[in-house]
């Protein structure tokens, strides 16, 4: 079956959906999916293997965007693939934390809900306004979100710290095979897991604040879009009569 050609009102193109699917950044995205699925498969039994697979999958997120810009292959499909992969990967890890720390399951469920809701609403809001990408956030909308999405270094550091915090909690859920060699702090045994969790916590917390801001801004953007849409169709005028 031959895939349909791209519909466009602009210049005639010979590209097909197959071409879009085989763009270099999208191929990188597929490899991220495979690595993430492999990490989930061994998450319960092999923490070190899982951490490596999970980390590589997350690191590749920094390369698909660079490849898209370098080769002129930025697409809506690629943007959605990137967003969906990030959300599914992080959500899967947090789901494991719900089982590893049942006392805090409600807290982790809240984090998953906030993460999914804010990013989904943001993606829909940006595409509805014709932005073309969820990363094209204007400063007038939110300075923090604009800095987060437009500055690649800030984006990388915040995302990396967010994932590393969850990874640290994941690793800490497994019992130590040998006593920690880093001493104690206020009676708490120090290890690379606890140090990783403590050092990444401030940036992780900042990421949660960004999620809240992102969800609120997306809701406002969608509401403004609704007002404009209703004004064009005359729905608001009809209701006032």
Protein backbone atom coordinates (compact mmCIF):
# COMPACT_ATOMS: atom_id res chain seq x y z
CA UNK A 1 0.00 0.00 0.00
CA UNK A 2 1.51 3.32 -1.06
CA UNK A 3 1.34 5.98 1.71
CA UNK A 4 -0.61 9.12 0.82
CA UNK A 5 1.24 12.23 -0.22
CA UNK A 6 1.31 15.26 1.99
CA UNK A 7 -1.65 17.59 1.49
CA UNK A 8 -0.68 21.20 1.16
CA UNK A 9 -2.12 24.37 -0.30
CA UNK A 10 1.41 25.69 -0.87
CA UNK A 11 4.11 24.56 -3.31
CA UNK A 12 3.81 21.05 -4.74
CA UNK A 13 5.94 18.51 -2.84
CA UNK A 14 7.01 14.98 -3.65
CA UNK A 15 7.47 14.06 0.03
CA UNK A 16 5.29 11.30 1.44
CA UNK A 17 4.43 10.25 4.97
CA UNK A 18 7.13 7.60 4.65
CA UNK A 19 9.72 10.34 4.12
CA UNK A 20 8.54 12.14 7.26
CA UNK A 21 8.68 8.94 9.30
CA UNK A 22 12.26 8.30 8.13
CA UNK A 23 13.62 11.76 8.93
CA UNK A 24 16.83 11.54 10.97
CA UNK A 25 15.41 13.14 14.17
CA UNK A 26 12.44 10.78 14.01
CA UNK A 27 14.77 7.78 13.68
CA UNK A 28 16.52 9.00 16.81
CA UNK A 29 13.09 9.24 18.42
CA UNK A 30 12.33 5.61 17.58
CA UNK A 31 15.62 4.51 19.17
CA UNK A 32 14.60 6.40 22.30
CA UNK A 33 11.34 4.45 22.39
CA UNK A 34 13.15 1.12 22.05
CA UNK A 35 15.64 1.99 24.81
CA UNK A 36 12.85 3.22 27.09
CA UNK A 37 10.86 0.01 26.56
CA UNK A 38 13.96 -2.06 27.33
CA UNK A 39 14.58 -0.10 30.53
CA UNK A 40 10.98 -0.65 31.63
CA UNK A 41 11.29 -4.39 30.93
CA UNK A 42 14.23 -4.77 33.35
CA UNK A 43 13.22 -2.02 35.80
CA UNK A 44 12.17 -4.38 38.55
CA UNK A 45 15.16 -6.70 38.46
CA UNK A 46 18.23 -4.92 37.09
CA UNK A 47 18.55 -1.37 38.45
CA UNK A 48 21.96 -0.69 36.90
CA UNK A 49 21.00 -1.93 33.45
CA UNK A 50 17.70 -0.08 33.66
CA UNK A 51 19.44 3.15 34.68
CA UNK A 52 21.87 2.98 31.76
CA UNK A 53 19.14 2.26 29.22
CA UNK A 54 16.88 4.95 30.68
CA UNK A 55 19.71 7.51 30.79
CA UNK A 56 20.77 6.92 27.18
CA UNK A 57 17.15 7.22 26.05
CA UNK A 58 16.86 10.56 27.84
CA UNK A 59 20.24 11.81 26.55
CA UNK A 60 19.21 11.15 22.96
CA UNK A 61 16.47 13.71 23.51
CA UNK A 62 19.18 16.37 23.19
CA UNK A 63 20.19 15.10 19.75
CA UNK A 64 16.90 14.77 17.89
CA UNK A 65 16.21 18.50 18.15
CA UNK A 66 19.75 19.34 17.02
CA UNK A 67 19.37 16.96 14.07
CA UNK A 68 16.03 18.52 13.14
CA UNK A 69 17.57 21.99 13.05
CA UNK A 70 20.72 20.88 11.22
CA UNK A 71 18.95 18.97 8.44
CA UNK A 72 15.84 21.16 8.24
CA UNK A 73 13.63 18.26 9.35
CA UNK A 74 11.49 19.87 12.05
CA UNK A 75 7.99 18.37 11.89
CA UNK A 76 4.83 18.33 13.97
CA UNK A 77 5.04 14.53 14.05
CA UNK A 78 8.57 14.73 15.46
CA UNK A 79 7.53 17.28 18.08
CA UNK A 80 4.63 15.10 19.23
CA UNK A 81 6.79 11.95 19.17
CA UNK A 82 9.36 13.71 21.33
CA UNK A 83 6.76 14.94 23.80
CA UNK A 84 4.92 11.60 24.02
CA UNK A 85 8.17 9.67 24.52
CA UNK A 86 9.24 11.99 27.34
CA UNK A 87 5.91 11.78 29.11
CA UNK A 88 5.53 8.00 28.77
CA UNK A 89 9.10 7.35 29.92
CA UNK A 90 8.89 9.57 32.98
CA UNK A 91 5.40 8.32 33.86
CA UNK A 92 6.55 4.70 33.71
CA UNK A 93 9.38 5.42 36.13
CA UNK A 94 7.06 7.28 38.51
CA UNK A 95 4.60 4.36 38.37
CA UNK A 96 7.41 2.12 39.62
CA UNK A 97 8.06 4.59 42.45
CA UNK A 98 4.39 4.24 43.46
CA UNK A 99 5.04 0.55 44.05
CA UNK A 100 8.47 1.07 45.63
CA UNK A 101 7.17 3.73 48.04
CA UNK A 102 3.48 2.87 48.60
CA UNK A 103 3.22 5.38 51.46
CA UNK A 104 3.84 8.19 48.97
CA UNK A 105 1.81 6.71 46.11
CA UNK A 106 -0.71 9.58 46.16
CA UNK A 107 2.12 12.10 45.88
CA UNK A 108 3.60 10.31 42.88
CA UNK A 109 0.16 10.00 41.28
CA UNK A 110 -0.23 13.75 41.62
CA UNK A 111 3.14 14.28 39.92
CA UNK A 112 2.15 12.06 36.98
CA UNK A 113 -1.16 13.87 36.60
CA UNK A 114 0.49 17.29 36.74
CA UNK A 115 3.15 16.28 34.23
CA UNK A 116 0.71 14.78 31.72
CA UNK A 117 -1.93 17.49 32.08
CA UNK A 118 0.45 20.44 31.77
CA UNK A 119 2.32 19.09 28.76
CA UNK A 120 -0.80 17.88 26.94
CA UNK A 121 -2.57 21.20 27.42
CA UNK A 122 0.57 23.08 26.38
CA UNK A 123 0.97 21.01 23.21
CA UNK A 124 -2.69 21.48 22.21
CA UNK A 125 -2.54 25.20 22.99
CA UNK A 126 0.59 25.76 20.90
CA UNK A 127 -0.67 23.75 17.93
CA UNK A 128 -4.09 25.45 18.12
CA UNK A 129 -2.49 28.88 17.82
CA UNK A 130 -0.38 27.78 14.85
CA UNK A 131 2.94 27.98 16.68
CA UNK A 132 4.10 24.83 14.89
CA UNK A 133 6.14 23.64 17.88
CA UNK A 134 5.53 23.39 21.62
CA UNK A 135 8.93 25.02 22.14
CA UNK A 136 8.03 28.33 20.46
CA UNK A 137 7.01 30.18 23.61
CA UNK A 138 7.07 33.99 23.49
CA UNK A 139 8.43 36.02 26.41
CA UNK A 140 5.15 37.92 26.55
CA UNK A 141 3.39 34.69 27.48
CA UNK A 142 5.82 33.65 30.22
CA UNK A 143 9.45 34.59 30.71
CA UNK A 144 10.23 31.41 32.62
CA UNK A 145 8.61 29.14 30.04
CA UNK A 146 10.29 31.06 27.22
CA UNK A 147 13.68 30.67 28.90
CA UNK A 148 13.02 26.98 29.50
CA UNK A 149 11.96 26.15 25.96
CA UNK A 150 14.16 28.50 23.91
CA UNK A 151 17.46 28.17 25.80
CA UNK A 152 18.80 24.70 24.99
CA UNK A 153 21.21 24.69 27.94
CA UNK A 154 18.50 25.54 30.45
CA UNK A 155 16.18 22.97 28.87
CA UNK A 156 18.85 20.26 29.07
CA UNK A 157 19.86 21.00 32.68
CA UNK A 158 16.28 21.18 33.97
CA UNK A 159 15.15 18.03 32.16
CA UNK A 160 18.30 16.11 33.15
CA UNK A 161 17.98 17.10 36.82
CA UNK A 162 14.30 16.19 36.81
CA UNK A 163 15.01 12.71 35.46
CA UNK A 164 18.06 12.20 37.70
CA UNK A 165 16.00 12.98 40.80
CA UNK A 166 13.51 10.25 39.91
CA UNK A 167 16.36 7.89 39.00
CA UNK A 168 17.97 8.53 42.40
CA UNK A 169 14.69 7.62 44.13
CA UNK A 170 14.46 4.54 41.94
CA UNK A 171 17.98 3.37 42.83
CA UNK A 172 17.41 4.13 46.51
CA UNK A 173 14.46 1.72 46.53
CA UNK A 174 16.86 -1.20 46.17
CA UNK A 175 18.62 -2.41 49.34
CA UNK A 176 22.32 -1.65 49.71
CA UNK A 177 24.56 -4.66 49.16
CA UNK A 178 27.33 -3.10 51.23
CA UNK A 179 27.45 -0.34 53.88
CA UNK A 180 27.75 3.21 52.54
CA UNK A 181 31.30 4.58 52.49
CA UNK A 182 30.46 8.28 52.43
CA UNK A 183 29.65 8.71 56.11
CA UNK A 184 26.49 10.05 57.70
CA UNK A 185 24.66 13.39 57.72
CA UNK A 186 22.19 13.98 60.56
CA UNK A 187 22.06 10.23 61.04
CA UNK A 188 21.22 9.61 57.36
CA UNK A 189 23.66 7.27 55.60
CA UNK A 190 25.22 9.01 52.63
CA UNK A 191 25.62 7.34 49.27
CA UNK A 192 25.75 8.50 45.68
CA UNK A 193 21.99 7.93 45.56
CA UNK A 194 21.18 10.29 48.40
CA UNK A 195 23.69 12.89 47.18
CA UNK A 196 22.19 12.72 43.69
CA UNK A 197 18.67 13.15 45.07
CA UNK A 198 19.64 16.09 47.30
CA UNK A 199 21.61 17.96 44.61
CA UNK A 200 18.93 17.59 41.94
CA UNK A 201 15.97 18.32 44.23
CA UNK A 202 15.99 22.15 43.81
CA UNK A 203 15.94 21.92 40.01
CA UNK A 204 13.36 19.12 40.17
CA UNK A 205 11.14 21.36 42.31
CA UNK A 206 11.63 24.21 39.82
CA UNK A 207 10.45 21.86 37.06
CA UNK A 208 7.23 21.15 38.97
CA UNK A 209 6.64 24.89 39.35
CA UNK A 210 7.15 25.22 35.59
CA UNK A 211 4.57 22.49 35.03
CA UNK A 212 2.01 24.47 37.03
CA UNK A 213 2.82 27.70 35.17
CA UNK A 214 2.66 25.83 31.86
CA UNK A 215 -0.76 24.38 32.63
CA UNK A 216 -2.18 27.75 33.71
CA UNK A 217 -0.77 29.54 30.64
CA UNK A 218 -2.06 26.80 28.34
CA UNK A 219 -5.54 27.10 29.85
CA UNK A 220 -5.50 30.86 29.31
CA UNK A 221 -4.27 30.46 25.72
CA UNK A 222 -7.00 27.94 24.91
CA UNK A 223 -9.66 30.18 26.47
CA UNK A 224 -8.47 33.17 24.40
CA UNK A 225 -8.51 30.96 21.30
CA UNK A 226 -12.09 29.97 22.14
CA UNK A 227 -13.08 33.64 22.44
CA UNK A 228 -11.62 34.42 19.01
CA UNK A 229 -13.21 31.32 17.49
CA UNK A 230 -16.62 32.14 18.93
CA UNK A 231 -16.32 35.73 17.70
CA UNK A 232 -15.60 34.50 14.15
CA UNK A 233 -18.54 32.10 14.15
CA UNK A 234 -20.87 34.56 15.85
CA UNK A 235 -21.58 32.19 18.73
CA UNK A 236 -20.95 34.83 21.38
CA UNK A 237 -23.30 37.32 19.65
CA UNK A 238 -26.03 34.70 19.27
CA UNK A 239 -25.83 33.83 22.96
CA UNK A 240 -26.07 37.50 24.03
CA UNK A 241 -29.31 37.86 22.08
